[in-house]
Amino acid sequence: MSAKILVIDDENQIRRMLRIALKSEGYDISEAENGEQGLASIVRQQPDLVVLDLGLPDMDGQTLLRELRSWSAVPVIVLSVRNSDKEKVQLLDAGAQDYVTKPFSIEEFLARVRANLRDHIKQQSAQILDDGYLHIDLGKRLVKTANNVVELTPKEYAVLSKLAKVPNCVITQTQLLQEIWGPTHQEDSHYLRIIVSHLRQKLGEDPAEPKYLKTEAGVGYRLLFAPR
């Protein structure tokens, strides 16, 4: 499956250039021309990488980045005409993975995209979550609570593993249904509610106040996780 990249930039010419370059590398590209559209697209599409212009018409890119980092760990490459070292440090400290100053070489930009995607995929593929009570080893397909193995059905594990690959990030109902049950089941949200209910029970959750599996009303689910 091709990596999904979201470009958030209000300049049509820049978006067009990046779209052509990224599509030529086989990436799945989507676009947003302002910050509000960009945040909505991240929630809806769950991209593997975000390319973010700082000079957006409705909000500063730094504001968007701070908002994004409160609920998502998706890699972000910042684009900007501003090139002061101080600003670069501030953005990297705020959670950006990389910084590219306009104008830029498209070859260098593509190399940075490849490097960030490679690091992101490597991090996901070897992920083990452990907070002292809940232990999820994605490589071994192993789930334990308080050192007791949790027996999950294939669908239960599929949902939990999707959420565990991006802890604390929202995955939409549509994405979960499409990727686990198939494209003909995008509207069958009751399937997902049943599976999440079973997971909460098996993880020892209080359904009224779940510690791990949080419902984002009207959007989807996220796995709340704070490693020890």
C-alpha atoms as a PDB file:
ATOM      1  CA  MET A   1       0.000   0.000   0.000  1.00  0.00           C
ATOM      2  CA  SER A   2       1.344   3.443  -0.961  1.00  0.00           C
ATOM      3  CA  ALA A   3       2.239   5.862   1.806  1.00  0.00           C
ATOM      4  CA  LYS A   4      -0.375   8.591   2.267  1.00  0.00           C
ATOM      5  CA  ILE A   5       0.938  12.155   2.283  1.00  0.00           C
ATOM      6  CA  LEU A   6      -1.113  15.265   3.066  1.00  0.00           C
ATOM      7  CA  VAL A   7       0.133  18.615   1.726  1.00  0.00           C
ATOM      8  CA  ILE A   8      -1.195  21.668   3.616  1.00  0.00           C
ATOM      9  CA  ASP A   9      -0.311  24.816   1.641  1.00  0.00           C
ATOM     10  CA  ASP A  10      -2.381  27.756   0.409  1.00  0.00           C
ATOM     11  CA  GLU A  11      -0.269  28.266  -2.729  1.00  0.00           C
ATOM     12  CA  ASN A  12      -1.796  26.337  -5.614  1.00  0.00           C
ATOM     13  CA  GLN A  13       1.491  26.398  -7.547  1.00  0.00           C
ATOM     14  CA  ILE A  14       3.401  24.791  -4.654  1.00  0.00           C
ATOM     15  CA  ARG A  15       0.696  22.155  -4.154  1.00  0.00           C
ATOM     16  CA  ARG A  16       0.736  21.338  -7.854  1.00  0.00           C
ATOM     17  CA  MET A  17       4.540  20.993  -7.907  1.00  0.00           C
ATOM     18  CA  LEU A  18       4.544  18.755  -4.852  1.00  0.00           C
ATOM     19  CA  ARG A  19       1.614  16.710  -6.139  1.00  0.00           C
ATOM     20  CA  ILE A  20       3.405  15.957  -9.412  1.00  0.00           C
ATOM     21  CA  ALA A  21       6.705  15.150  -7.688  1.00  0.00           C
ATOM     22  CA  LEU A  22       5.194  12.963  -4.962  1.00  0.00           C
ATOM     23  CA  LYS A  23       2.833  11.105  -7.291  1.00  0.00           C
ATOM     24  CA  SER A  24       5.784  10.331  -9.557  1.00  0.00           C
ATOM     25  CA  GLU A  25       7.285   8.477  -6.580  1.00  0.00           C
ATOM     26  CA  GLY A  26       4.102   6.439  -6.129  1.00  0.00           C
ATOM     27  CA  TYR A  27       2.703   8.202  -3.050  1.00  0.00           C
ATOM     28  CA  ASP A  28      -1.018   8.678  -2.394  1.00  0.00           C
ATOM     29  CA  ILE A  29      -1.464  12.471  -2.191  1.00  0.00           C
ATOM     30  CA  SER A  30      -4.199  14.628  -0.682  1.00  0.00           C
ATOM     31  CA  GLU A  31      -4.250  18.402  -0.267  1.00  0.00           C
ATOM     32  CA  ALA A  32      -5.610  21.135   1.987  1.00  0.00           C
ATOM     33  CA  GLU A  33      -5.335  24.869   1.406  1.00  0.00           C
ATOM     34  CA  ASN A  34      -5.761  26.085   4.989  1.00  0.00           C
ATOM     35  CA  GLY A  35      -5.249  24.925   8.548  1.00  0.00           C
ATOM     36  CA  GLU A  36      -8.856  24.023   9.319  1.00  0.00           C
ATOM     37  CA  GLN A  37      -9.063  21.800   6.238  1.00  0.00           C
ATOM     38  CA  GLY A  38      -5.686  20.322   7.099  1.00  0.00           C
ATOM     39  CA  LEU A  39      -6.617  19.271  10.640  1.00  0.00           C
ATOM     40  CA  ALA A  40      -9.915  17.796   9.416  1.00  0.00           C
ATOM     41  CA  SER A  41      -8.065  15.850   6.709  1.00  0.00           C
ATOM     42  CA  ILE A  42      -5.579  14.440   9.223  1.00  0.00           C
ATOM     43  CA  VAL A  43      -8.406  13.138  11.427  1.00  0.00           C
ATOM     44  CA  ARG A  44     -10.300  11.735   8.446  1.00  0.00           C
ATOM     45  CA  GLN A  45      -7.464  10.291   6.362  1.00  0.00           C
ATOM     46  CA  GLN A  46      -4.782   9.377   8.936  1.00  0.00           C
ATOM     47  CA  PRO A  47      -1.847  10.177   6.590  1.00  0.00           C
ATOM     48  CA  ASP A  48       1.623   8.686   7.052  1.00  0.00           C
ATOM     49  CA  LEU A  49       3.270  12.111   6.589  1.00  0.00           C
ATOM     50  CA  VAL A  50       2.174  15.760   6.618  1.00  0.00           C
ATOM     51  CA  VAL A  51       3.869  18.509   4.608  1.00  0.00           C
ATOM     52  CA  LEU A  52       2.979  21.787   6.345  1.00  0.00           C
ATOM     53  CA  ASP A  53       3.412  25.343   5.100  1.00  0.00           C
ATOM     54  CA  LEU A  54       3.768  27.879   7.918  1.00  0.00           C
ATOM     55  CA  GLY A  55       2.062  30.794   6.160  1.00  0.00           C
ATOM     56  CA  LEU A  56      -1.534  29.613   6.091  1.00  0.00           C
ATOM     57  CA  PRO A  57      -4.416  32.088   5.625  1.00  0.00           C
ATOM     58  CA  ASP A  58      -6.482  31.060   8.660  1.00  0.00           C
ATOM     59  CA  MET A  59      -3.826  30.112  11.242  1.00  0.00           C
ATOM     60  CA  ASP A  60      -0.084  30.120  11.684  1.00  0.00           C
ATOM     61  CA  GLY A  61       1.586  26.795  10.961  1.00  0.00           C
ATOM     62  CA  GLN A  62       3.107  26.745  14.443  1.00  0.00           C
ATOM     63  CA  THR A  63      -0.388  26.956  15.943  1.00  0.00           C
ATOM     64  CA  LEU A  64      -1.527  24.059  13.773  1.00  0.00           C
ATOM     65  CA  LEU A  65       1.534  22.025  14.755  1.00  0.00           C
ATOM     66  CA  ARG A  66       0.905  22.564  18.476  1.00  0.00           C
ATOM     67  CA  GLU A  67      -2.735  21.534  18.054  1.00  0.00           C
ATOM     68  CA  LEU A  68      -1.742  18.478  16.018  1.00  0.00           C
ATOM     69  CA  ARG A  69       0.839  17.305  18.540  1.00  0.00           C
ATOM     70  CA  SER A  70      -1.796  17.259  21.294  1.00  0.00           C
ATOM     71  CA  TRP A  71      -3.402  14.216  19.642  1.00  0.00           C
ATOM     72  CA  SER A  72      -1.239  12.878  16.800  1.00  0.00           C
ATOM     73  CA  ALA A  73       2.339  11.693  16.275  1.00  0.00           C
ATOM     74  CA  VAL A  74       2.227  11.774  12.465  1.00  0.00           C
ATOM     75  CA  PRO A  75       5.591  12.971  11.027  1.00  0.00           C
ATOM     76  CA  VAL A  76       5.557  16.602   9.839  1.00  0.00           C
ATOM     77  CA  ILE A  77       7.885  18.291   7.337  1.00  0.00           C
ATOM     78  CA  VAL A  78       7.570  22.071   7.592  1.00  0.00           C
ATOM     79  CA  LEU A  79       7.870  24.302   4.516  1.00  0.00           C
ATOM     80  CA  SER A  80       8.631  27.992   5.006  1.00  0.00           C
ATOM     81  CA  VAL A  81      10.300  31.053   3.504  1.00  0.00           C
ATOM     82  CA  ARG A  82      11.468  31.878   7.042  1.00  0.00           C
ATOM     83  CA  ASN A  83      14.961  30.531   7.562  1.00  0.00           C
ATOM     84  CA  SER A  84      16.190  31.752  10.942  1.00  0.00           C
ATOM     85  CA  ASP A  85      17.905  29.147  13.090  1.00  0.00           C
ATOM     86  CA  LYS A  86      15.819  30.252  16.073  1.00  0.00           C
ATOM     87  CA  GLU A  87      12.559  29.528  14.280  1.00  0.00           C
ATOM     88  CA  LYS A  88      13.798  26.188  13.007  1.00  0.00           C
ATOM     89  CA  VAL A  89      14.724  25.161  16.555  1.00  0.00           C
ATOM     90  CA  GLN A  90      11.320  26.289  17.866  1.00  0.00           C
ATOM     91  CA  LEU A  91       9.483  24.222  15.249  1.00  0.00           C
ATOM     92  CA  LEU A  92      11.594  21.128  15.801  1.00  0.00           C
ATOM     93  CA  ASP A  93      11.096  21.463  19.564  1.00  0.00           C
ATOM     94  CA  ALA A  94       7.341  21.828  18.937  1.00  0.00           C
ATOM     95  CA  GLY A  95       7.260  18.440  17.222  1.00  0.00           C
ATOM     96  CA  ALA A  96       8.181  18.876  13.564  1.00  0.00           C
ATOM     97  CA  GLN A  97      10.454  16.138  12.207  1.00  0.00           C
ATOM     98  CA  ASP A  98      12.068  18.250   9.488  1.00  0.00           C
ATOM     99  CA  TYR A  99      12.264  21.781   8.065  1.00  0.00           C
ATOM    100  CA  VAL A 100      12.645  22.759   4.389  1.00  0.00           C
ATOM    101  CA  THR A 101      13.209  26.393   3.399  1.00  0.00           C
ATOM    102  CA  LYS A 102      11.577  27.784   0.250  1.00  0.00           C
ATOM    103  CA  PRO A 103      12.760  27.797  -2.489  1.00  0.00           C
ATOM    104  CA  PHE A 104      14.013  24.222  -2.292  1.00  0.00           C
ATOM    105  CA  SER A 105      15.405  21.452  -4.436  1.00  0.00           C
ATOM    106  CA  ILE A 106      12.696  18.906  -5.222  1.00  0.00           C
ATOM    107  CA  GLU A 107      15.310  16.127  -5.142  1.00  0.00           C
ATOM    108  CA  GLU A 108      16.338  17.094  -1.607  1.00  0.00           C
ATOM    109  CA  PHE A 109      12.698  17.378  -0.562  1.00  0.00           C
ATOM    110  CA  LEU A 110      11.916  13.875  -1.867  1.00  0.00           C
ATOM    111  CA  ALA A 111      14.946  12.511  -0.028  1.00  0.00           C
ATOM    112  CA  ARG A 112      13.660  14.038   3.221  1.00  0.00           C
ATOM    113  CA  VAL A 113      10.218  12.527   2.567  1.00  0.00           C
ATOM    114  CA  ARG A 114      11.752   9.080   2.072  1.00  0.00           C
ATOM    115  CA  ALA A 115      13.858   9.400   5.231  1.00  0.00           C
ATOM    116  CA  ASN A 116      10.934  10.474   7.417  1.00  0.00           C
ATOM    117  CA  LEU A 117       8.636   7.765   6.073  1.00  0.00           C
ATOM    118  CA  ARG A 118      11.358   5.157   6.557  1.00  0.00           C
ATOM    119  CA  ASP A 119      11.863   6.174  10.188  1.00  0.00           C
ATOM    120  CA  HIS A 120       8.103   6.241  10.815  1.00  0.00           C
ATOM    121  CA  ILE A 121       7.501   2.798   9.300  1.00  0.00           C
ATOM    122  CA  LYS A 122      10.497   1.335  11.153  1.00  0.00           C
ATOM    123  CA  GLN A 123       9.161   2.708  14.453  1.00  0.00           C
ATOM    124  CA  GLN A 124       5.719   1.219  13.812  1.00  0.00           C
ATOM    125  CA  SER A 125       6.959  -2.197  12.726  1.00  0.00           C
ATOM    126  CA  ALA A 126       8.928  -2.828  15.932  1.00  0.00           C
ATOM    127  CA  GLN A 127       6.493  -1.294  18.349  1.00  0.00           C
ATOM    128  CA  ILE A 128       5.925  -2.671  21.825  1.00  0.00           C
ATOM    129  CA  LEU A 129       3.578  -0.841  24.180  1.00  0.00           C
ATOM    130  CA  ASP A 130       3.904  -1.469  27.908  1.00  0.00           C
ATOM    131  CA  ASP A 131       2.653   0.660  30.789  1.00  0.00           C
ATOM    132  CA  GLY A 132       3.043  -1.933  33.522  1.00  0.00           C
ATOM    133  CA  TYR A 133      -0.498  -3.260  33.143  1.00  0.00           C
ATOM    134  CA  LEU A 134      -1.215  -3.431  29.406  1.00  0.00           C
ATOM    135  CA  HIS A 135       1.437  -5.023  27.189  1.00  0.00           C
ATOM    136  CA  ILE A 136       1.031  -5.094  23.395  1.00  0.00           C
ATOM    137  CA  ASP A 137       3.766  -6.660  21.255  1.00  0.00           C
ATOM    138  CA  LEU A 138       2.818  -6.103  17.623  1.00  0.00           C
ATOM    139  CA  GLY A 139       5.700  -8.197  16.320  1.00  0.00           C
ATOM    140  CA  LYS A 140       4.615 -11.256  18.311  1.00  0.00           C
ATOM    141  CA  ARG A 141       0.864 -10.504  18.101  1.00  0.00           C
ATOM    142  CA  LEU A 142       0.803 -10.739  21.892  1.00  0.00           C
ATOM    143  CA  VAL A 143      -1.503  -8.863  24.271  1.00  0.00           C
ATOM    144  CA  LYS A 144      -1.281  -9.168  28.060  1.00  0.00           C
ATOM    145  CA  THR A 145      -2.844  -7.444  31.050  1.00  0.00           C
ATOM    146  CA  ALA A 146      -1.082  -7.742  34.406  1.00  0.00           C
ATOM    147  CA  ASN A 147       1.123 -10.444  32.807  1.00  0.00           C
ATOM    148  CA  ASN A 148      -1.913 -12.534  31.823  1.00  0.00           C
ATOM    149  CA  VAL A 149      -2.298 -13.348  28.141  1.00  0.00           C
ATOM    150  CA  VAL A 150      -5.475 -11.880  26.621  1.00  0.00           C
ATOM    151  CA  GLU A 151      -7.137 -14.152  24.079  1.00  0.00           C
ATOM    152  CA  LEU A 152      -8.508 -12.078  21.203  1.00  0.00           C
ATOM    153  CA  THR A 153     -10.435 -12.987  18.083  1.00  0.00           C
ATOM    154  CA  PRO A 154      -8.847 -12.029  14.733  1.00  0.00           C
ATOM    155  CA  LYS A 155     -11.149  -9.005  14.393  1.00  0.00           C
ATOM    156  CA  GLU A 156     -10.518  -7.884  17.980  1.00  0.00           C
ATOM    157  CA  TYR A 157      -6.766  -8.077  17.479  1.00  0.00           C
ATOM    158  CA  ALA A 158      -7.011  -6.305  14.120  1.00  0.00           C
ATOM    159  CA  VAL A 159      -8.816  -3.331  15.674  1.00  0.00           C
ATOM    160  CA  LEU A 160      -6.524  -3.155  18.705  1.00  0.00           C
ATOM    161  CA  SER A 161      -3.347  -3.432  16.603  1.00  0.00           C
ATOM    162  CA  LYS A 162      -4.488  -0.667  14.232  1.00  0.00           C
ATOM    163  CA  LEU A 163      -4.977   1.643  17.209  1.00  0.00           C
ATOM    164  CA  ALA A 164      -1.738   0.494  18.894  1.00  0.00           C
ATOM    165  CA  LYS A 165       0.328   1.403  15.822  1.00  0.00           C
ATOM    166  CA  VAL A 166      -0.570   5.060  16.352  1.00  0.00           C
ATOM    167  CA  PRO A 167      -1.150   5.396  20.130  1.00  0.00           C
ATOM    168  CA  ASN A 168      -3.041   8.505  21.262  1.00  0.00           C
ATOM    169  CA  CYS A 169      -4.075   9.243  17.663  1.00  0.00           C
ATOM    170  CA  VAL A 170      -7.611   9.088  16.293  1.00  0.00           C
ATOM    171  CA  ILE A 171      -8.465   6.500  13.639  1.00  0.00           C
ATOM    172  CA  THR A 172     -11.818   7.065  11.986  1.00  0.00           C
ATOM    173  CA  GLN A 173     -14.622   4.516  12.019  1.00  0.00           C
ATOM    174  CA  THR A 174     -14.618   4.534   8.216  1.00  0.00           C
ATOM    175  CA  GLN A 175     -10.922   3.701   8.028  1.00  0.00           C
ATOM    176  CA  LEU A 176     -11.185   0.874  10.564  1.00  0.00           C
ATOM    177  CA  LEU A 177     -14.241  -0.630   8.861  1.00  0.00           C
ATOM    178  CA  GLN A 178     -12.754  -0.346   5.383  1.00  0.00           C
ATOM    179  CA  GLU A 179      -9.351  -1.777   6.282  1.00  0.00           C
ATOM    180  CA  ILE A 180     -10.587  -4.595   8.553  1.00  0.00           C
ATOM    181  CA  TRP A 181     -14.019  -5.551   7.206  1.00  0.00           C
ATOM    182  CA  GLY A 182     -13.621  -4.303   3.613  1.00  0.00           C
ATOM    183  CA  PRO A 183     -14.919  -1.396   1.481  1.00  0.00           C
ATOM    184  CA  THR A 184     -18.507  -2.695   1.418  1.00  0.00           C
ATOM    185  CA  HIS A 185     -18.786  -2.315   5.215  1.00  0.00           C
ATOM    186  CA  GLN A 186     -17.912   1.375   5.628  1.00  0.00           C
ATOM    187  CA  GLU A 187     -21.348   2.139   7.086  1.00  0.00           C
ATOM    188  CA  ASP A 188     -21.535  -0.887   9.406  1.00  0.00           C
ATOM    189  CA  SER A 189     -20.428   0.988  12.521  1.00  0.00           C
ATOM    190  CA  HIS A 190     -22.292  -1.478  14.782  1.00  0.00           C
ATOM    191  CA  TYR A 191     -19.646  -4.108  13.909  1.00  0.00           C
ATOM    192  CA  LEU A 192     -17.015  -1.812  15.344  1.00  0.00           C
ATOM    193  CA  ARG A 193     -19.016  -0.922  18.450  1.00  0.00           C
ATOM    194  CA  ILE A 194     -19.409  -4.619  19.277  1.00  0.00           C
ATOM    195  CA  ILE A 195     -15.681  -5.311  18.840  1.00  0.00           C
ATOM    196  CA  VAL A 196     -14.676  -2.297  20.952  1.00  0.00           C
ATOM    197  CA  SER A 197     -17.109  -3.391  23.663  1.00  0.00           C
ATOM    198  CA  HIS A 198     -15.545  -6.877  23.694  1.00  0.00           C
ATOM    199  CA  LEU A 199     -12.038  -5.401  23.806  1.00  0.00           C
ATOM    200  CA  ARG A 200     -12.889  -3.170  26.752  1.00  0.00           C
ATOM    201  CA  GLN A 201     -14.265  -6.166  28.609  1.00  0.00           C
ATOM    202  CA  LYS A 202     -11.185  -8.280  27.919  1.00  0.00           C
ATOM    203  CA  LEU A 203      -8.827  -5.444  28.908  1.00  0.00           C
ATOM    204  CA  GLY A 204     -10.679  -4.975  32.190  1.00  0.00           C
ATOM    205  CA  GLU A 205     -12.006  -1.534  31.261  1.00  0.00           C
ATOM    206  CA  ASP A 206     -14.824   0.336  32.970  1.00  0.00           C
ATOM    207  CA  PRO A 207     -17.162   0.934  29.971  1.00  0.00           C
ATOM    208  CA  ALA A 208     -18.393   4.195  31.544  1.00  0.00           C
ATOM    209  CA  GLU A 209     -14.841   5.559  31.938  1.00  0.00           C
ATOM    210  CA  PRO A 210     -12.475   3.536  29.738  1.00  0.00           C
ATOM    211  CA  LYS A 211      -8.786   4.070  30.427  1.00  0.00           C
ATOM    212  CA  TYR A 212      -7.471   2.800  27.087  1.00  0.00           C
ATOM    213  CA  LEU A 213     -10.085   2.638  24.330  1.00  0.00           C
ATOM    214  CA  LYS A 214     -11.570   6.111  23.950  1.00  0.00           C
ATOM    215  CA  THR A 215     -14.496   6.888  21.671  1.00  0.00           C
ATOM    216  CA  GLU A 216     -14.251  10.163  19.744  1.00  0.00           C
ATOM    217  CA  ALA A 217     -17.950  10.829  19.128  1.00  0.00           C
ATOM    218  CA  GLY A 218     -18.832  10.993  15.470  1.00  0.00           C
ATOM    219  CA  VAL A 219     -15.218  10.432  14.393  1.00  0.00           C
ATOM    220  CA  GLY A 220     -13.656   7.178  15.563  1.00  0.00           C
ATOM    221  CA  TYR A 221     -11.452   5.705  18.295  1.00  0.00           C
ATOM    222  CA  ARG A 222      -8.040   6.130  19.838  1.00  0.00           C
ATOM    223  CA  LEU A 223      -5.873   4.034  22.150  1.00  0.00           C
ATOM    224  CA  LEU A 224      -4.841   6.206  25.077  1.00  0.00           C
ATOM    225  CA  PHE A 225      -1.409   5.106  26.173  1.00  0.00           C
ATOM    226  CA  ALA A 226       1.238   6.578  28.460  1.00  0.00           C
ATOM    227  CA  PRO A 227       4.353   4.344  28.584  1.00  0.00           C
ATOM    228  CA  ARG A 228       5.969   3.902  31.973  1.00  0.00           C
END
